[in-house]
Amino acid sequence: MPRMLDVSDEVRAEIGDEEANRLLAGENAPGSYDCTSCRTPGDSERERTSTVLFIGDETAVLAFAHATCLPSQVVQVTEEQLRGAVRSISGDTVDLEPEQVVPEQAVLGVTSGLVLIAGELHPALVVEPTGPIVRPGSIASGDDFLPLLIEQGFMPVTELSSLPPVLHGWSVLLAMGQLHAVLQPSPGGQPVAWWQAHQPLQVTEGWRAAANKHQQVLMFAAPVGSIGRQPREDLLRDALDKAAANGKLVASVLPLAGT
């Protein structure tokens, strides 16, 4: 049965027309899969699905994502990043060297929403990776996502009762009413992207209005599996409260760049 797959021109160029056509015909594509972005189940027979090709120096992995989470694209990563990730992608491997099966490169998932703190609505971003994050160069297992952010100045949050401090040097880039990136300081002085949208993310009118009013954005971060993909803001708030109570949440206020 043909799949509801999106195969972008850049993915087709990498895997070849023959492989792309087999995927579209349903010969090699899975029916069900775990989305490489949000890690929740998907079904390529029932919903639009993106093919996402992760390419290292010697190896490539073809993964699948909800089209609403990620567009079909090629993602360049280092071979070390490919080999150092913890869990396997639910997808096919494309062997640039035979007999190599490569684990997943963790991706940062970002959700926007309004969060009520001290009686006022604040624009918030919630960042949760798709897999454990380890220190660069480390061969140990585990998850260093929150310790790494705390070292950058983010503060542990145990309850959402007051705003955390402003983290100067970091900012949220909003342009043409869309979310483009979270920027961090660099030794060269110019901000660099800590996270960048593959394509600009739409935010609600209410979120944009609150961001323009406060000229700052509240950013929360939690390790994989702590928040999940919540379809409503009340459910997102419940998940944030639970993560905070469990000691799995850090936050900072970031200045707004752009409008």
Protein backbone atom coordinates (compact mmCIF):
# COMPACT_ATOMS: atom_id res chain seq x y z
CA MET A 1 0.00 0.00 0.00
CA PRO A 2 1.40 3.46 -0.87
CA ARG A 3 2.48 5.52 2.13
CA MET A 4 1.64 9.16 2.87
CA LEU A 5 5.34 10.03 2.70
CA ASP A 6 7.04 13.32 1.94
CA VAL A 7 10.47 12.84 0.34
CA SER A 8 12.14 16.19 -0.25
CA ASP A 9 14.37 16.83 -3.27
CA GLU A 10 17.46 16.95 -1.05
CA VAL A 11 16.62 13.58 0.54
CA ARG A 12 15.92 12.09 -2.91
CA ALA A 13 19.27 13.40 -4.16
CA GLU A 14 21.04 11.58 -1.34
CA ILE A 15 19.23 8.24 -1.42
CA GLY A 16 18.60 8.08 -5.17
CA ASP A 17 15.42 7.91 -7.24
CA GLU A 18 15.12 4.13 -7.01
CA GLU A 19 15.16 4.08 -3.20
CA ALA A 20 12.85 7.12 -3.01
CA ASN A 21 10.34 5.49 -5.34
CA ARG A 22 10.41 2.27 -3.31
CA LEU A 23 9.65 4.28 -0.18
CA LEU A 24 6.76 6.11 -1.82
CA ALA A 25 5.37 2.80 -3.10
CA GLY A 26 5.41 1.42 0.43
CA GLU A 27 8.02 -1.27 -0.22
CA ASN A 28 10.62 -0.08 2.29
CA ALA A 29 8.70 2.39 4.46
CA PRO A 30 7.30 1.26 7.80
CA GLY A 31 3.57 1.46 8.46
CA SER A 32 4.02 2.49 12.08
CA TYR A 33 7.07 4.31 13.48
CA ASP A 34 8.22 6.43 16.39
CA CYS A 35 8.55 10.07 15.29
CA THR A 36 12.21 11.09 15.40
CA SER A 37 11.16 14.53 16.67
CA CYS A 38 8.49 13.98 19.33
CA ARG A 39 9.03 10.22 19.88
CA THR A 40 5.31 9.46 19.79
CA PRO A 41 3.88 6.80 17.41
CA GLY A 42 3.05 7.63 13.82
CA ASP A 43 1.43 5.75 10.96
CA SER A 44 2.57 6.46 7.41
CA GLU A 45 -0.59 4.82 6.01
CA ARG A 46 -2.86 7.30 7.80
CA GLU A 47 -0.95 10.57 8.29
CA ARG A 48 1.56 12.62 6.37
CA THR A 49 5.04 11.49 7.28
CA SER A 50 8.40 13.12 6.58
CA THR A 51 11.55 11.26 5.66
CA VAL A 52 14.51 12.71 7.58
CA LEU A 53 18.02 11.63 6.56
CA PHE A 54 20.76 12.02 9.18
CA ILE A 55 24.18 12.03 7.49
CA GLY A 56 27.51 11.60 9.25
CA ASP A 57 31.00 11.45 7.77
CA GLU A 58 30.68 7.80 6.71
CA THR A 59 27.17 6.65 7.59
CA ALA A 60 23.59 7.78 7.12
CA VAL A 61 20.33 6.93 8.86
CA LEU A 62 16.89 7.37 7.32
CA ALA A 63 14.29 8.21 9.97
CA PHE A 64 10.62 9.15 9.95
CA ALA A 65 8.73 12.02 11.57
CA HIS A 66 5.20 13.42 11.65
CA ALA A 67 5.02 16.02 8.87
CA THR A 68 3.59 18.40 11.49
CA CYS A 69 6.79 17.99 13.57
CA LEU A 70 9.51 18.18 10.91
CA PRO A 71 9.69 18.70 7.15
CA SER A 72 11.49 16.13 5.02
CA GLN A 73 15.14 17.16 5.08
CA VAL A 74 18.79 16.17 5.29
CA VAL A 75 20.47 16.80 8.66
CA GLN A 76 24.28 16.90 8.70
CA VAL A 77 25.80 15.57 11.94
CA THR A 78 29.24 14.39 12.92
CA GLU A 79 30.06 10.69 12.90
CA GLU A 80 30.86 11.01 16.60
CA GLN A 81 27.39 12.41 17.25
CA LEU A 82 25.80 9.57 15.31
CA ARG A 83 27.79 6.90 17.13
CA GLY A 84 27.55 8.54 20.54
CA ALA A 85 23.78 8.72 20.79
CA VAL A 86 22.05 6.19 23.00
CA ARG A 87 18.92 4.83 21.36
CA SER A 88 18.34 3.49 17.86
CA ILE A 89 16.22 5.38 15.38
CA SER A 90 13.05 3.60 14.23
CA GLY A 91 13.90 3.55 10.56
CA ASP A 92 16.16 2.10 7.90
CA THR A 93 19.90 2.47 7.75
CA VAL A 94 21.55 3.60 4.55
CA ASP A 95 25.00 2.05 4.47
CA LEU A 96 27.81 4.23 3.23
CA GLU A 97 30.04 1.59 4.77
CA PRO A 98 28.57 -1.95 4.85
CA GLU A 99 27.32 -3.55 8.04
CA GLN A 100 27.00 -0.29 9.97
CA VAL A 101 23.89 0.39 12.02
CA VAL A 102 23.90 3.79 13.61
CA PRO A 103 22.07 5.14 16.68
CA GLU A 104 20.00 8.29 16.81
CA GLN A 105 21.23 11.86 16.98
CA ALA A 106 19.16 13.57 19.66
CA VAL A 107 17.10 16.53 18.44
CA LEU A 108 15.79 19.38 20.59
CA GLY A 109 12.00 19.56 20.50
CA VAL A 110 10.55 23.03 21.18
CA THR A 111 6.96 23.81 22.17
CA SER A 112 5.52 27.30 22.64
CA GLY A 113 2.72 28.17 25.05
CA LEU A 114 1.43 30.74 27.52
CA VAL A 115 2.17 30.05 31.19
CA LEU A 116 0.37 31.75 34.08
CA ILE A 117 2.77 32.91 36.80
CA ALA A 118 1.80 35.24 39.65
CA GLY A 119 -1.49 36.06 37.95
CA GLU A 120 -0.01 37.08 34.59
CA LEU A 121 0.39 35.19 31.32
CA HIS A 122 3.96 34.89 30.04
CA PRO A 123 5.15 33.56 26.67
CA ALA A 124 7.12 30.37 27.22
CA LEU A 125 9.22 27.91 25.26
CA VAL A 126 9.59 24.36 26.51
CA VAL A 127 12.67 22.48 25.29
CA GLU A 128 12.91 18.71 25.56
CA PRO A 129 15.41 16.58 23.61
CA THR A 130 14.38 13.38 21.84
CA GLY A 131 17.09 11.39 23.62
CA PRO A 132 19.63 11.61 26.45
CA ILE A 133 22.24 14.36 26.06
CA VAL A 134 25.79 13.58 27.14
CA ARG A 135 28.76 15.92 27.43
CA PRO A 136 30.70 16.43 24.20
CA GLY A 137 33.43 13.84 23.97
CA SER A 138 32.01 11.72 26.79
CA ILE A 139 31.64 7.97 26.25
CA ALA A 140 29.59 7.51 29.43
CA SER A 141 25.88 6.81 29.33
CA GLY A 142 23.40 8.95 31.24
CA ASP A 143 21.86 12.36 30.68
CA ASP A 144 23.75 15.62 31.27
CA PHE A 145 21.18 17.94 29.67
CA LEU A 146 20.16 19.79 32.84
CA PRO A 147 23.67 20.00 34.38
CA LEU A 148 25.00 21.47 31.12
CA LEU A 149 22.25 24.12 31.12
CA ILE A 150 22.78 24.92 34.81
CA GLU A 151 26.44 25.55 34.00
CA GLN A 152 25.24 28.06 31.39
CA GLY A 153 23.19 29.93 33.99
CA PHE A 154 19.77 28.27 33.89
CA MET A 155 18.18 27.83 37.31
CA PRO A 156 16.57 24.68 38.75
CA VAL A 157 12.81 25.17 39.25
CA THR A 158 10.86 23.32 41.93
CA GLU A 159 7.56 25.18 41.44
CA LEU A 160 6.14 27.68 38.96
CA SER A 161 5.32 30.41 41.44
CA SER A 162 7.66 33.21 40.30
CA LEU A 163 9.80 34.15 37.32
CA PRO A 164 13.41 32.95 37.27
CA PRO A 165 16.21 35.50 36.70
CA VAL A 166 17.01 36.95 33.28
CA LEU A 167 19.87 35.14 31.56
CA HIS A 168 21.79 37.93 29.88
CA GLY A 169 23.59 37.12 26.64
CA TRP A 170 20.92 34.62 25.60
CA SER A 171 17.86 35.67 23.58
CA VAL A 172 14.88 34.38 21.62
CA LEU A 173 14.79 35.43 17.96
CA LEU A 174 11.33 36.26 16.64
CA ALA A 175 11.10 37.61 13.09
CA MET A 176 8.02 38.36 10.97
CA GLY A 177 5.94 36.99 13.84
CA GLN A 178 7.61 33.56 13.68
CA LEU A 179 10.04 31.79 15.99
CA HIS A 180 13.47 31.33 14.42
CA ALA A 181 16.05 30.51 17.09
CA VAL A 182 17.30 30.57 20.66
CA LEU A 183 20.62 32.41 20.67
CA GLN A 184 23.51 32.07 23.12
CA PRO A 185 26.69 34.13 23.60
CA SER A 186 29.92 33.04 21.92
CA PRO A 187 33.59 33.80 22.61
CA GLY A 188 33.68 35.87 19.43
CA GLY A 189 31.07 38.27 20.80
CA GLN A 190 28.36 37.61 18.21
CA PRO A 191 25.42 35.47 19.41
CA VAL A 192 25.19 32.00 17.88
CA ALA A 193 22.21 29.67 17.57
CA TRP A 194 21.86 27.23 20.48
CA TRP A 195 18.68 25.97 18.80
CA GLN A 196 17.47 26.91 15.32
CA ALA A 197 14.17 25.99 13.68
CA HIS A 198 14.50 23.95 10.49
CA GLN A 199 11.77 26.23 9.22
CA PRO A 200 10.29 29.19 11.16
CA LEU A 201 7.73 28.06 13.73
CA GLN A 202 4.30 29.66 13.91
CA VAL A 203 3.23 31.04 17.29
CA THR A 204 -0.25 32.14 18.33
CA GLU A 205 -1.39 35.76 18.29
CA GLY A 206 -1.68 35.60 22.09
CA TRP A 207 1.88 34.30 22.46
CA ARG A 208 3.28 36.97 20.15
CA ALA A 209 1.31 39.72 21.90
CA ALA A 210 2.59 38.59 25.31
CA ALA A 211 6.17 38.44 23.99
CA ASN A 212 5.93 41.96 22.58
CA LYS A 213 4.40 43.21 25.83
CA HIS A 214 7.07 41.74 28.12
CA GLN A 215 9.96 41.89 25.61
CA GLN A 216 11.14 38.61 27.07
CA VAL A 217 10.37 34.89 26.89
CA LEU A 218 10.39 32.27 29.63
CA MET A 219 12.38 29.19 28.59
CA PHE A 220 11.94 25.86 30.36
CA ALA A 221 14.09 22.80 29.69
CA ALA A 222 13.58 19.22 30.83
CA PRO A 223 15.26 15.88 30.03
CA VAL A 224 13.76 13.43 27.54
CA GLY A 225 10.48 11.89 28.70
CA SER A 226 9.67 14.58 31.27
CA ILE A 227 7.14 16.74 29.38
CA GLY A 228 6.02 14.96 26.20
CA ARG A 229 4.03 16.41 23.34
CA GLN A 230 1.06 18.11 24.98
CA PRO A 231 -1.79 19.23 22.71
CA ARG A 232 -3.21 21.87 25.08
CA GLU A 233 -1.68 24.57 27.29
CA ASP A 234 -3.40 23.29 30.43
CA LEU A 235 -1.86 19.85 29.88
CA LEU A 236 1.51 21.49 29.19
CA ARG A 237 1.25 23.36 32.48
CA ASP A 238 0.41 20.15 34.34
CA ALA A 239 3.46 18.46 32.80
CA LEU A 240 5.68 21.41 33.77
CA ASP A 241 4.41 21.35 37.34
CA LYS A 242 5.09 17.62 37.57
CA ALA A 243 8.61 17.96 36.11
CA ALA A 244 9.38 20.79 38.55
CA ALA A 245 8.15 18.78 41.52
CA ASN A 246 10.35 15.87 40.39
CA GLY A 247 13.45 18.06 40.12
CA LYS A 248 13.59 17.72 36.33
CA LEU A 249 13.11 21.33 35.22
CA VAL A 250 15.35 24.34 34.71
CA ALA A 251 14.33 27.77 33.48
CA SER A 252 15.48 31.30 32.69
CA VAL A 253 13.97 34.45 31.30
CA LEU A 254 15.48 35.30 27.91
CA PRO A 255 15.26 38.76 26.30
CA LEU A 256 13.27 38.96 23.07
CA ALA A 257 15.14 39.73 19.87
CA GLY A 258 12.94 40.87 16.99
CA THR A 259 9.16 41.26 16.89
